[in-house]
Amino acid sequence: MRHICIRGILALVWVAAAIVCGVSGNMETTAIYVIMSGVFLYSAYSAWNKVKTGGGDK
């Protein structure tokens, strides 16, 4: 369960970085950070869903 929390926190860090870059006007970097955030969120959600349904390690 720890890896799910870490992935979620990293996704939030990427979102914060995207917001900072968006405010400063660097849209190319903002797009990359949003994609990275989405990847981490998807990874955390899929791992959480796997554990929730009983498919993961216990």
N, C-alpha and C. Protein backbone atom coordinates (compact mmCIF):
# COMPACT_ATOMS: atom_id res chain seq x y z
N MET A 1 0.82 -1.20 0.00
CA MET A 1 0.00 0.00 0.00
C MET A 1 0.86 1.26 0.00
N ARG A 2 2.08 1.11 0.50
CA ARG A 2 2.97 2.26 0.58
C ARG A 2 3.31 2.81 -0.80
N HIS A 3 3.53 1.91 -1.77
CA HIS A 3 3.89 2.36 -3.11
C HIS A 3 2.75 3.13 -3.78
N ILE A 4 1.53 2.82 -3.41
CA ILE A 4 0.37 3.54 -3.96
C ILE A 4 0.37 4.98 -3.43
N CYS A 5 0.62 5.13 -2.15
CA CYS A 5 0.68 6.48 -1.56
C CYS A 5 1.83 7.29 -2.15
N ILE A 6 2.97 6.66 -2.35
CA ILE A 6 4.13 7.36 -2.90
C ILE A 6 3.83 7.81 -4.33
N ARG A 7 3.21 6.96 -5.12
CA ARG A 7 2.86 7.34 -6.49
C ARG A 7 1.85 8.48 -6.50
N GLY A 8 0.89 8.46 -5.58
CA GLY A 8 -0.08 9.55 -5.49
C GLY A 8 0.57 10.86 -5.11
N ILE A 9 1.50 10.81 -4.17
CA ILE A 9 2.21 12.02 -3.75
C ILE A 9 3.06 12.56 -4.89
N LEU A 10 3.74 11.67 -5.62
CA LEU A 10 4.54 12.12 -6.76
C LEU A 10 3.66 12.74 -7.84
N ALA A 11 2.47 12.22 -8.03
CA ALA A 11 1.54 12.81 -8.99
C ALA A 11 1.16 14.23 -8.57
N LEU A 12 0.94 14.42 -7.27
CA LEU A 12 0.62 15.77 -6.79
C LEU A 12 1.80 16.73 -6.96
N VAL A 13 3.01 16.22 -6.78
CA VAL A 13 4.19 17.05 -6.98
C VAL A 13 4.29 17.48 -8.45
N TRP A 14 4.02 16.56 -9.37
CA TRP A 14 4.04 16.90 -10.79
C TRP A 14 2.95 17.91 -11.14
N VAL A 15 1.78 17.78 -10.51
CA VAL A 15 0.71 18.75 -10.75
C VAL A 15 1.15 20.14 -10.26
N ALA A 16 1.76 20.19 -9.09
CA ALA A 16 2.23 21.48 -8.57
C ALA A 16 3.29 22.08 -9.49
N ALA A 17 4.18 21.26 -10.00
CA ALA A 17 5.19 21.75 -10.94
C ALA A 17 4.54 22.25 -12.22
N ALA A 18 3.50 21.58 -12.68
CA ALA A 18 2.79 22.02 -13.88
C ALA A 18 2.11 23.36 -13.66
N ILE A 19 1.55 23.54 -12.49
CA ILE A 19 0.90 24.82 -12.17
C ILE A 19 1.91 25.95 -12.14
N VAL A 20 3.06 25.71 -11.52
CA VAL A 20 4.10 26.74 -11.45
C VAL A 20 4.60 27.09 -12.85
N CYS A 21 4.82 26.08 -13.68
CA CYS A 21 5.29 26.35 -15.04
C CYS A 21 4.20 27.03 -15.87
N GLY A 22 2.95 26.68 -15.63
CA GLY A 22 1.86 27.32 -16.35
C GLY A 22 1.73 28.78 -16.01
N VAL A 23 1.92 29.11 -14.74
CA VAL A 23 1.86 30.51 -14.30
C VAL A 23 3.02 31.31 -14.89
N SER A 24 4.18 30.69 -14.97
CA SER A 24 5.34 31.40 -15.51
C SER A 24 5.31 31.49 -17.03
N GLY A 25 4.41 30.76 -17.69
CA GLY A 25 4.25 30.87 -19.13
C GLY A 25 5.00 29.84 -19.94
N ASN A 26 5.59 28.87 -19.32
CA ASN A 26 6.34 27.84 -20.03
C ASN A 26 5.40 26.67 -20.35
N MET A 27 4.69 26.78 -21.46
CA MET A 27 3.64 25.83 -21.78
C MET A 27 4.16 24.46 -22.22
N GLU A 28 5.34 24.41 -22.83
CA GLU A 28 5.88 23.11 -23.24
C GLU A 28 6.18 22.24 -22.02
N THR A 29 6.82 22.84 -21.03
CA THR A 29 7.14 22.11 -19.81
C THR A 29 5.87 21.77 -19.04
N THR A 30 4.89 22.66 -19.08
CA THR A 30 3.62 22.40 -18.41
C THR A 30 2.96 21.15 -18.99
N ALA A 31 2.98 21.03 -20.30
CA ALA A 31 2.38 19.86 -20.94
C ALA A 31 3.09 18.58 -20.54
N ILE A 32 4.41 18.62 -20.48
CA ILE A 32 5.17 17.43 -20.06
C ILE A 32 4.84 17.06 -18.63
N TYR A 33 4.74 18.05 -17.74
CA TYR A 33 4.46 17.79 -16.34
C TYR A 33 3.03 17.25 -16.15
N VAL A 34 2.10 17.74 -16.95
CA VAL A 34 0.73 17.23 -16.86
C VAL A 34 0.68 15.77 -17.31
N ILE A 35 1.43 15.45 -18.36
CA ILE A 35 1.48 14.05 -18.82
C ILE A 35 2.12 13.17 -17.75
N MET A 36 3.21 13.63 -17.15
CA MET A 36 3.85 12.85 -16.08
C MET A 36 2.92 12.65 -14.90
N SER A 37 2.17 13.68 -14.55
CA SER A 37 1.20 13.56 -13.47
C SER A 37 0.14 12.53 -13.80
N GLY A 38 -0.34 12.55 -15.02
CA GLY A 38 -1.34 11.58 -15.44
C GLY A 38 -0.82 10.16 -15.40
N VAL A 39 0.44 9.98 -15.78
CA VAL A 39 1.04 8.64 -15.74
C VAL A 39 1.13 8.14 -14.31
N PHE A 40 1.57 9.00 -13.40
CA PHE A 40 1.67 8.59 -12.00
C PHE A 40 0.29 8.33 -11.39
N LEU A 41 -0.69 9.16 -11.72
CA LEU A 41 -2.04 8.94 -11.20
C LEU A 41 -2.63 7.64 -11.73
N TYR A 42 -2.43 7.36 -13.00
CA TYR A 42 -2.92 6.12 -13.58
C TYR A 42 -2.24 4.92 -12.93
N SER A 43 -0.95 5.02 -12.71
CA SER A 43 -0.21 3.94 -12.07
C SER A 43 -0.70 3.70 -10.65
N ALA A 44 -0.92 4.77 -9.90
CA ALA A 44 -1.41 4.62 -8.52
C ALA A 44 -2.82 4.04 -8.51
N TYR A 45 -3.68 4.51 -9.43
CA TYR A 45 -5.05 4.01 -9.47
C TYR A 45 -5.09 2.54 -9.86
N SER A 46 -4.30 2.14 -10.85
CA SER A 46 -4.33 0.75 -11.27
C SER A 46 -3.79 -0.17 -10.18
N ALA A 47 -2.76 0.27 -9.46
CA ALA A 47 -2.22 -0.53 -8.35
C ALA A 47 -3.24 -0.61 -7.22
N TRP A 48 -3.90 0.51 -6.92
CA TRP A 48 -4.91 0.52 -5.86
C TRP A 48 -6.09 -0.38 -6.23
N ASN A 49 -6.51 -0.32 -7.48
CA ASN A 49 -7.62 -1.15 -7.93
C ASN A 49 -7.25 -2.63 -7.89
N LYS A 50 -6.01 -2.95 -8.21
CA LYS A 50 -5.55 -4.34 -8.16
C LYS A 50 -5.56 -4.87 -6.73
N VAL A 51 -5.12 -4.05 -5.78
CA VAL A 51 -5.12 -4.46 -4.37
C VAL A 51 -6.55 -4.54 -3.86
N LYS A 52 -7.39 -3.60 -4.27
CA LYS A 52 -8.78 -3.57 -3.81
C LYS A 52 -9.55 -4.80 -4.23
N THR A 53 -9.31 -5.27 -5.46
CA THR A 53 -10.03 -6.44 -5.96
C THR A 53 -9.39 -7.76 -5.53
N GLY A 54 -8.26 -7.68 -4.84
CA GLY A 54 -7.64 -8.89 -4.33
C GLY A 54 -6.63 -9.50 -5.27
N GLY A 55 -6.24 -8.79 -6.30
CA GLY A 55 -5.30 -9.33 -7.25
C GLY A 55 -3.85 -9.11 -6.89
N GLY A 56 -3.58 -8.27 -5.90
CA GLY A 56 -2.20 -7.95 -5.54
C GLY A 56 -1.73 -8.71 -4.32
N ASP A 57 -0.52 -8.39 -3.91
CA ASP A 57 0.06 -9.01 -2.71
C ASP A 57 -0.66 -8.50 -1.48
N LYS A 58 -0.75 -9.37 -0.51
CA LYS A 58 -1.39 -8.98 0.75
C LYS A 58 -0.44 -9.06 1.88
